[in-house]
């Protein structure tokens, strides 16, 4: 049987989790001296967010539990149910595909299980499919991405772009070569070759994003 080539993946957005959304908004203001605009509510997840563009086709999402929404029927995404009193942090990243089914096809069982199945989601006039680990936790400490497929033009192309621009996202992991192979298998070869996505050796899995803004280099982890 012929295997169809996987679509090239693009970096869609970075996810900063926080206990309270106001905490995350203040954190971004402290780091960049800009105000990140409010986004909206996710009724099916019991969360709300603030968003801003950080490059061509890339955005930053600050997300927290919305106390005004009911508990969802499943664990909230991005590990928000386990936040505790943690400070705002870069918890996950999301890669964009134009064909979710093709991207998920023929993945090794362990990788497919960690990424999770794709579910349909919506907010206002936005509709998308996104993969969610059944536990709600970002797999491999956030180093294994979530995948998203937008219905129509991705919303970041119409978001405010207040200035901070992503230069590079680094996946830090004890097994960097294994992760490179995992990403290539997903369809991220072009993304890795572009230089905006990198992989480095680290004792513990974590993410590091490097931004340029107002003549400065700013790192968020």
C-alpha atoms as a PDB file:
ATOM      1  CA  UNK A   1       0.000   0.000   0.000  1.00  0.00           C
ATOM      2  CA  UNK A   2       1.312   3.439  -0.912  1.00  0.00           C
ATOM      3  CA  UNK A   3       1.801   5.893   1.952  1.00  0.00           C
ATOM      4  CA  UNK A   4       0.745   9.434   1.120  1.00  0.00           C
ATOM      5  CA  UNK A   5       3.327  12.111   1.964  1.00  0.00           C
ATOM      6  CA  UNK A   6       2.528  14.080   5.078  1.00  0.00           C
ATOM      7  CA  UNK A   7       1.827  17.820   4.738  1.00  0.00           C
ATOM      8  CA  UNK A   8       4.576  20.153   5.932  1.00  0.00           C
ATOM      9  CA  UNK A   9       3.815  21.420   9.418  1.00  0.00           C
ATOM     10  CA  UNK A  10       4.019  25.085  10.433  1.00  0.00           C
ATOM     11  CA  UNK A  11       4.463  26.628  13.860  1.00  0.00           C
ATOM     12  CA  UNK A  12       0.992  27.833  14.846  1.00  0.00           C
ATOM     13  CA  UNK A  13       1.265  29.109  18.399  1.00  0.00           C
ATOM     14  CA  UNK A  14       2.991  28.991  21.779  1.00  0.00           C
ATOM     15  CA  UNK A  15       1.012  28.383  24.960  1.00  0.00           C
ATOM     16  CA  UNK A  16       1.689  30.117  28.273  1.00  0.00           C
ATOM     17  CA  UNK A  17      -0.350  28.692  31.139  1.00  0.00           C
ATOM     18  CA  UNK A  18      -1.185  30.600  34.305  1.00  0.00           C
ATOM     19  CA  UNK A  19      -3.301  30.223  37.432  1.00  0.00           C
ATOM     20  CA  UNK A  20      -5.325  33.357  36.688  1.00  0.00           C
ATOM     21  CA  UNK A  21      -5.515  35.067  33.304  1.00  0.00           C
ATOM     22  CA  UNK A  22      -4.671  38.446  34.840  1.00  0.00           C
ATOM     23  CA  UNK A  23      -1.408  36.921  36.109  1.00  0.00           C
ATOM     24  CA  UNK A  24      -0.460  35.896  32.577  1.00  0.00           C
ATOM     25  CA  UNK A  25      -1.381  39.269  31.112  1.00  0.00           C
ATOM     26  CA  UNK A  26       0.789  41.007  33.725  1.00  0.00           C
ATOM     27  CA  UNK A  27       3.629  38.584  33.012  1.00  0.00           C
ATOM     28  CA  UNK A  28       3.620  39.454  29.306  1.00  0.00           C
ATOM     29  CA  UNK A  29       3.489  43.154  30.154  1.00  0.00           C
ATOM     30  CA  UNK A  30       6.485  42.773  32.486  1.00  0.00           C
ATOM     31  CA  UNK A  31       8.495  40.804  29.923  1.00  0.00           C
ATOM     32  CA  UNK A  32       7.742  42.913  26.844  1.00  0.00           C
ATOM     33  CA  UNK A  33       6.131  46.152  28.046  1.00  0.00           C
ATOM     34  CA  UNK A  34       3.119  45.461  25.816  1.00  0.00           C
ATOM     35  CA  UNK A  35      -0.501  44.648  26.580  1.00  0.00           C
ATOM     36  CA  UNK A  36      -1.699  41.330  25.168  1.00  0.00           C
ATOM     37  CA  UNK A  37      -5.317  41.662  23.959  1.00  0.00           C
ATOM     38  CA  UNK A  38      -8.117  39.547  25.411  1.00  0.00           C
ATOM     39  CA  UNK A  39      -9.189  36.569  23.321  1.00  0.00           C
ATOM     40  CA  UNK A  40     -12.313  34.769  24.511  1.00  0.00           C
ATOM     41  CA  UNK A  41     -13.802  31.798  26.325  1.00  0.00           C
ATOM     42  CA  UNK A  42     -13.643  28.096  25.513  1.00  0.00           C
ATOM     43  CA  UNK A  43     -16.952  26.811  26.863  1.00  0.00           C
ATOM     44  CA  UNK A  44     -16.082  23.155  26.232  1.00  0.00           C
ATOM     45  CA  UNK A  45     -12.830  23.424  28.243  1.00  0.00           C
ATOM     46  CA  UNK A  46     -13.764  25.929  30.932  1.00  0.00           C
ATOM     47  CA  UNK A  47     -10.900  28.246  29.971  1.00  0.00           C
ATOM     48  CA  UNK A  48     -10.279  31.733  28.612  1.00  0.00           C
ATOM     49  CA  UNK A  49      -7.299  33.365  26.939  1.00  0.00           C
ATOM     50  CA  UNK A  50      -5.465  36.403  25.634  1.00  0.00           C
ATOM     51  CA  UNK A  51      -3.655  36.307  22.289  1.00  0.00           C
ATOM     52  CA  UNK A  52      -1.261  38.283  20.108  1.00  0.00           C
ATOM     53  CA  UNK A  53       0.694  37.679  16.915  1.00  0.00           C
ATOM     54  CA  UNK A  54       4.436  37.103  17.369  1.00  0.00           C
ATOM     55  CA  UNK A  55       5.452  36.602  13.743  1.00  0.00           C
ATOM     56  CA  UNK A  56       4.164  35.664  10.320  1.00  0.00           C
ATOM     57  CA  UNK A  57       1.433  33.115  10.976  1.00  0.00           C
ATOM     58  CA  UNK A  58       2.467  32.563  14.618  1.00  0.00           C
ATOM     59  CA  UNK A  59       0.764  33.749  17.781  1.00  0.00           C
ATOM     60  CA  UNK A  60       1.184  33.637  21.548  1.00  0.00           C
ATOM     61  CA  UNK A  61      -1.658  32.370  23.715  1.00  0.00           C
ATOM     62  CA  UNK A  62      -1.925  33.046  27.442  1.00  0.00           C
ATOM     63  CA  UNK A  63      -4.534  30.700  28.895  1.00  0.00           C
ATOM     64  CA  UNK A  64      -6.087  29.990  32.298  1.00  0.00           C
ATOM     65  CA  UNK A  65      -9.103  28.356  33.910  1.00  0.00           C
ATOM     66  CA  UNK A  66     -12.171  30.607  33.677  1.00  0.00           C
ATOM     67  CA  UNK A  67     -13.856  30.565  37.113  1.00  0.00           C
ATOM     68  CA  UNK A  68     -17.131  31.711  35.541  1.00  0.00           C
ATOM     69  CA  UNK A  69     -17.455  28.594  33.375  1.00  0.00           C
ATOM     70  CA  UNK A  70     -18.620  25.131  34.473  1.00  0.00           C
ATOM     71  CA  UNK A  71     -16.235  22.220  34.895  1.00  0.00           C
ATOM     72  CA  UNK A  72     -15.605  20.447  31.586  1.00  0.00           C
ATOM     73  CA  UNK A  73     -16.387  16.775  31.062  1.00  0.00           C
ATOM     74  CA  UNK A  74     -12.722  15.943  30.497  1.00  0.00           C
ATOM     75  CA  UNK A  75      -9.343  17.177  31.819  1.00  0.00           C
ATOM     76  CA  UNK A  76      -8.581  20.707  30.661  1.00  0.00           C
ATOM     77  CA  UNK A  77      -5.934  21.122  28.011  1.00  0.00           C
ATOM     78  CA  UNK A  78      -2.305  22.166  28.572  1.00  0.00           C
ATOM     79  CA  UNK A  79      -2.193  20.789  32.122  1.00  0.00           C
ATOM     80  CA  UNK A  80      -4.275  23.609  33.577  1.00  0.00           C
ATOM     81  CA  UNK A  81      -5.924  21.313  36.130  1.00  0.00           C
ATOM     82  CA  UNK A  82      -2.507  20.701  37.722  1.00  0.00           C
ATOM     83  CA  UNK A  83      -1.271  24.316  37.783  1.00  0.00           C
ATOM     84  CA  UNK A  84      -1.495  24.820  41.546  1.00  0.00           C
ATOM     85  CA  UNK A  85       0.287  28.050  42.445  1.00  0.00           C
ATOM     86  CA  UNK A  86       2.784  27.779  39.596  1.00  0.00           C
ATOM     87  CA  UNK A  87       3.933  30.988  37.954  1.00  0.00           C
ATOM     88  CA  UNK A  88       3.081  31.672  34.291  1.00  0.00           C
ATOM     89  CA  UNK A  89       5.248  29.462  32.105  1.00  0.00           C
ATOM     90  CA  UNK A  90       5.753  28.311  28.545  1.00  0.00           C
ATOM     91  CA  UNK A  91       3.940  24.970  28.737  1.00  0.00           C
ATOM     92  CA  UNK A  92       3.363  23.778  25.183  1.00  0.00           C
ATOM     93  CA  UNK A  93       3.487  24.576  21.481  1.00  0.00           C
ATOM     94  CA  UNK A  94       1.125  23.776  18.635  1.00  0.00           C
ATOM     95  CA  UNK A  95       2.013  22.866  15.063  1.00  0.00           C
ATOM     96  CA  UNK A  96      -0.402  23.570  12.219  1.00  0.00           C
ATOM     97  CA  UNK A  97      -1.341  21.035   9.568  1.00  0.00           C
ATOM     98  CA  UNK A  98      -3.524  21.344   6.487  1.00  0.00           C
ATOM     99  CA  UNK A  99      -4.587  17.688   6.753  1.00  0.00           C
ATOM    100  CA  UNK A 100      -4.935  16.330  10.275  1.00  0.00           C
ATOM    101  CA  UNK A 101      -5.788  12.799   9.212  1.00  0.00           C
ATOM    102  CA  UNK A 102      -2.731  12.529   6.959  1.00  0.00           C
ATOM    103  CA  UNK A 103      -0.462  13.922   9.681  1.00  0.00           C
ATOM    104  CA  UNK A 104      -1.711  11.430  12.259  1.00  0.00           C
ATOM    105  CA  UNK A 105      -1.689   8.506   9.846  1.00  0.00           C
ATOM    106  CA  UNK A 106       0.878   5.755  10.404  1.00  0.00           C
ATOM    107  CA  UNK A 107       2.444   7.246  13.557  1.00  0.00           C
ATOM    108  CA  UNK A 108       4.057   4.774  15.971  1.00  0.00           C
ATOM    109  CA  UNK A 109       1.627   3.713  18.683  1.00  0.00           C
ATOM    110  CA  UNK A 110       3.435   5.414  21.563  1.00  0.00           C
ATOM    111  CA  UNK A 111       3.716   8.729  19.709  1.00  0.00           C
ATOM    112  CA  UNK A 112       0.080   8.640  18.587  1.00  0.00           C
ATOM    113  CA  UNK A 113      -1.046   7.849  22.138  1.00  0.00           C
ATOM    114  CA  UNK A 114       0.954  10.710  23.674  1.00  0.00           C
ATOM    115  CA  UNK A 115      -0.214  13.268  21.097  1.00  0.00           C
ATOM    116  CA  UNK A 116      -3.786  12.041  21.457  1.00  0.00           C
ATOM    117  CA  UNK A 117      -6.727  12.006  19.061  1.00  0.00           C
ATOM    118  CA  UNK A 118      -8.019  15.090  17.263  1.00  0.00           C
ATOM    119  CA  UNK A 119     -11.225  16.673  18.521  1.00  0.00           C
ATOM    120  CA  UNK A 120     -13.439  19.298  16.924  1.00  0.00           C
ATOM    121  CA  UNK A 121     -13.538  22.669  18.704  1.00  0.00           C
ATOM    122  CA  UNK A 122     -15.092  26.080  18.133  1.00  0.00           C
ATOM    123  CA  UNK A 123     -15.285  29.574  19.606  1.00  0.00           C
ATOM    124  CA  UNK A 124     -17.460  32.210  17.993  1.00  0.00           C
ATOM    125  CA  UNK A 125     -16.869  31.986  14.250  1.00  0.00           C
ATOM    126  CA  UNK A 126     -13.642  29.995  14.680  1.00  0.00           C
ATOM    127  CA  UNK A 127     -13.628  26.265  14.043  1.00  0.00           C
ATOM    128  CA  UNK A 128     -10.686  23.904  14.306  1.00  0.00           C
ATOM    129  CA  UNK A 129      -9.503  20.394  15.128  1.00  0.00           C
ATOM    130  CA  UNK A 130      -6.826  19.923  17.771  1.00  0.00           C
ATOM    131  CA  UNK A 131      -5.106  16.898  19.273  1.00  0.00           C
ATOM    132  CA  UNK A 132      -5.479  16.413  23.002  1.00  0.00           C
ATOM    133  CA  UNK A 133      -3.704  13.962  25.256  1.00  0.00           C
ATOM    134  CA  UNK A 134      -6.437  12.188  27.282  1.00  0.00           C
ATOM    135  CA  UNK A 135      -4.744  13.241  30.539  1.00  0.00           C
ATOM    136  CA  UNK A 136      -4.805  16.918  29.559  1.00  0.00           C
ATOM    137  CA  UNK A 137      -1.050  17.126  30.204  1.00  0.00           C
ATOM    138  CA  UNK A 138       1.391  18.334  27.531  1.00  0.00           C
ATOM    139  CA  UNK A 139       3.266  15.165  26.502  1.00  0.00           C
ATOM    140  CA  UNK A 140       6.990  14.849  27.208  1.00  0.00           C
ATOM    141  CA  UNK A 141       7.032  18.010  29.298  1.00  0.00           C
ATOM    142  CA  UNK A 142       5.600  20.006  26.405  1.00  0.00           C
ATOM    143  CA  UNK A 143       8.279  18.932  23.919  1.00  0.00           C
ATOM    144  CA  UNK A 144       5.898  16.792  21.865  1.00  0.00           C
ATOM    145  CA  UNK A 145       3.532  19.212  20.125  1.00  0.00           C
ATOM    146  CA  UNK A 146      -0.199  19.412  19.880  1.00  0.00           C
ATOM    147  CA  UNK A 147      -1.474  19.545  16.301  1.00  0.00           C
ATOM    148  CA  UNK A 148      -4.128  21.892  14.941  1.00  0.00           C
ATOM    149  CA  UNK A 149      -6.045  22.184  11.689  1.00  0.00           C
ATOM    150  CA  UNK A 150      -8.007  25.403  11.196  1.00  0.00           C
ATOM    151  CA  UNK A 151     -11.205  25.574   9.188  1.00  0.00           C
ATOM    152  CA  UNK A 152     -10.359  28.480   6.894  1.00  0.00           C
ATOM    153  CA  UNK A 153      -7.720  31.163   7.406  1.00  0.00           C
ATOM    154  CA  UNK A 154      -5.908  30.860  10.759  1.00  0.00           C
ATOM    155  CA  UNK A 155      -6.950  33.715  13.078  1.00  0.00           C
ATOM    156  CA  UNK A 156      -3.432  34.940  13.835  1.00  0.00           C
ATOM    157  CA  UNK A 157      -3.283  36.686  10.471  1.00  0.00           C
ATOM    158  CA  UNK A 158      -5.794  39.220  11.796  1.00  0.00           C
ATOM    159  CA  UNK A 159      -4.443  39.488  15.365  1.00  0.00           C
ATOM    160  CA  UNK A 160      -2.729  42.502  16.856  1.00  0.00           C
ATOM    161  CA  UNK A 161       1.065  42.392  16.444  1.00  0.00           C
ATOM    162  CA  UNK A 162       2.356  44.697  19.209  1.00  0.00           C
ATOM    163  CA  UNK A 163       6.042  44.095  18.532  1.00  0.00           C
ATOM    164  CA  UNK A 164       7.630  41.021  20.158  1.00  0.00           C
ATOM    165  CA  UNK A 165       8.765  38.651  17.407  1.00  0.00           C
ATOM    166  CA  UNK A 166       9.669  35.020  17.922  1.00  0.00           C
ATOM    167  CA  UNK A 167      13.178  34.210  16.763  1.00  0.00           C
ATOM    168  CA  UNK A 168      13.489  30.590  17.841  1.00  0.00           C
ATOM    169  CA  UNK A 169      11.686  27.950  19.866  1.00  0.00           C
ATOM    170  CA  UNK A 170      13.997  25.359  21.422  1.00  0.00           C
ATOM    171  CA  UNK A 171      12.808  21.979  22.643  1.00  0.00           C
ATOM    172  CA  UNK A 172      15.136  20.992  25.486  1.00  0.00           C
ATOM    173  CA  UNK A 173      15.089  17.258  26.234  1.00  0.00           C
ATOM    174  CA  UNK A 174      17.347  14.444  27.545  1.00  0.00           C
ATOM    175  CA  UNK A 175      16.926  12.613  24.211  1.00  0.00           C
ATOM    176  CA  UNK A 176      17.195  15.311  21.540  1.00  0.00           C
ATOM    177  CA  UNK A 177      17.868  12.994  18.604  1.00  0.00           C
ATOM    178  CA  UNK A 178      14.799  10.902  19.371  1.00  0.00           C
ATOM    179  CA  UNK A 179      12.729  14.050  19.362  1.00  0.00           C
ATOM    180  CA  UNK A 180      14.207  15.186  16.079  1.00  0.00           C
ATOM    181  CA  UNK A 181      13.168  11.855  14.565  1.00  0.00           C
ATOM    182  CA  UNK A 182       9.679  12.189  16.069  1.00  0.00           C
ATOM    183  CA  UNK A 183       9.207  15.640  14.560  1.00  0.00           C
ATOM    184  CA  UNK A 184      10.503  14.574  11.169  1.00  0.00           C
ATOM    185  CA  UNK A 185       8.072  11.651  11.236  1.00  0.00           C
ATOM    186  CA  UNK A 186       5.245  14.111  11.929  1.00  0.00           C
ATOM    187  CA  UNK A 187       6.191  16.270   8.947  1.00  0.00           C
ATOM    188  CA  UNK A 188       8.298  19.015  10.572  1.00  0.00           C
ATOM    189  CA  UNK A 189      11.464  18.673   8.454  1.00  0.00           C
ATOM    190  CA  UNK A 190      11.009  22.045   6.745  1.00  0.00           C
ATOM    191  CA  UNK A 191      10.278  23.697  10.082  1.00  0.00           C
ATOM    192  CA  UNK A 192      13.460  22.292  11.613  1.00  0.00           C
ATOM    193  CA  UNK A 193      15.488  23.356   8.584  1.00  0.00           C
ATOM    194  CA  UNK A 194      14.102  26.899   8.782  1.00  0.00           C
ATOM    195  CA  UNK A 195      15.855  27.524  12.105  1.00  0.00           C
ATOM    196  CA  UNK A 196      12.786  28.759  13.989  1.00  0.00           C
ATOM    197  CA  UNK A 197      12.454  25.357  15.690  1.00  0.00           C
ATOM    198  CA  UNK A 198      15.469  23.761  17.351  1.00  0.00           C
ATOM    199  CA  UNK A 199      16.224  20.854  19.686  1.00  0.00           C
ATOM    200  CA  UNK A 200      18.826  20.847  22.468  1.00  0.00           C
ATOM    201  CA  UNK A 201      20.104  18.499  25.164  1.00  0.00           C
ATOM    202  CA  UNK A 202      18.757  19.135  28.665  1.00  0.00           C
ATOM    203  CA  UNK A 203      18.466  17.232  31.952  1.00  0.00           C
ATOM    204  CA  UNK A 204      14.703  17.819  32.045  1.00  0.00           C
ATOM    205  CA  UNK A 205      12.146  18.428  29.264  1.00  0.00           C
ATOM    206  CA  UNK A 206      11.340  22.117  28.889  1.00  0.00           C
ATOM    207  CA  UNK A 207      10.699  24.772  26.265  1.00  0.00           C
ATOM    208  CA  UNK A 208      12.628  27.976  25.629  1.00  0.00           C
ATOM    209  CA  UNK A 209      11.420  30.758  23.337  1.00  0.00           C
ATOM    210  CA  UNK A 210      13.718  33.564  22.204  1.00  0.00           C
ATOM    211  CA  UNK A 211      12.142  36.854  21.153  1.00  0.00           C
ATOM    212  CA  UNK A 212      13.439  40.105  19.735  1.00  0.00           C
ATOM    213  CA  UNK A 213      11.698  43.278  20.846  1.00  0.00           C
ATOM    214  CA  UNK A 214      12.719  46.916  20.992  1.00  0.00           C
ATOM    215  CA  UNK A 215      16.337  46.038  20.216  1.00  0.00           C
ATOM    216  CA  UNK A 216      16.547  43.424  22.962  1.00  0.00           C
ATOM    217  CA  UNK A 217      16.657  39.638  23.115  1.00  0.00           C
ATOM    218  CA  UNK A 218      14.094  38.266  25.583  1.00  0.00           C
ATOM    219  CA  UNK A 219      13.778  34.633  26.677  1.00  0.00           C
ATOM    220  CA  UNK A 220      10.623  33.002  28.009  1.00  0.00           C
ATOM    221  CA  UNK A 221      10.631  29.521  29.537  1.00  0.00           C
END
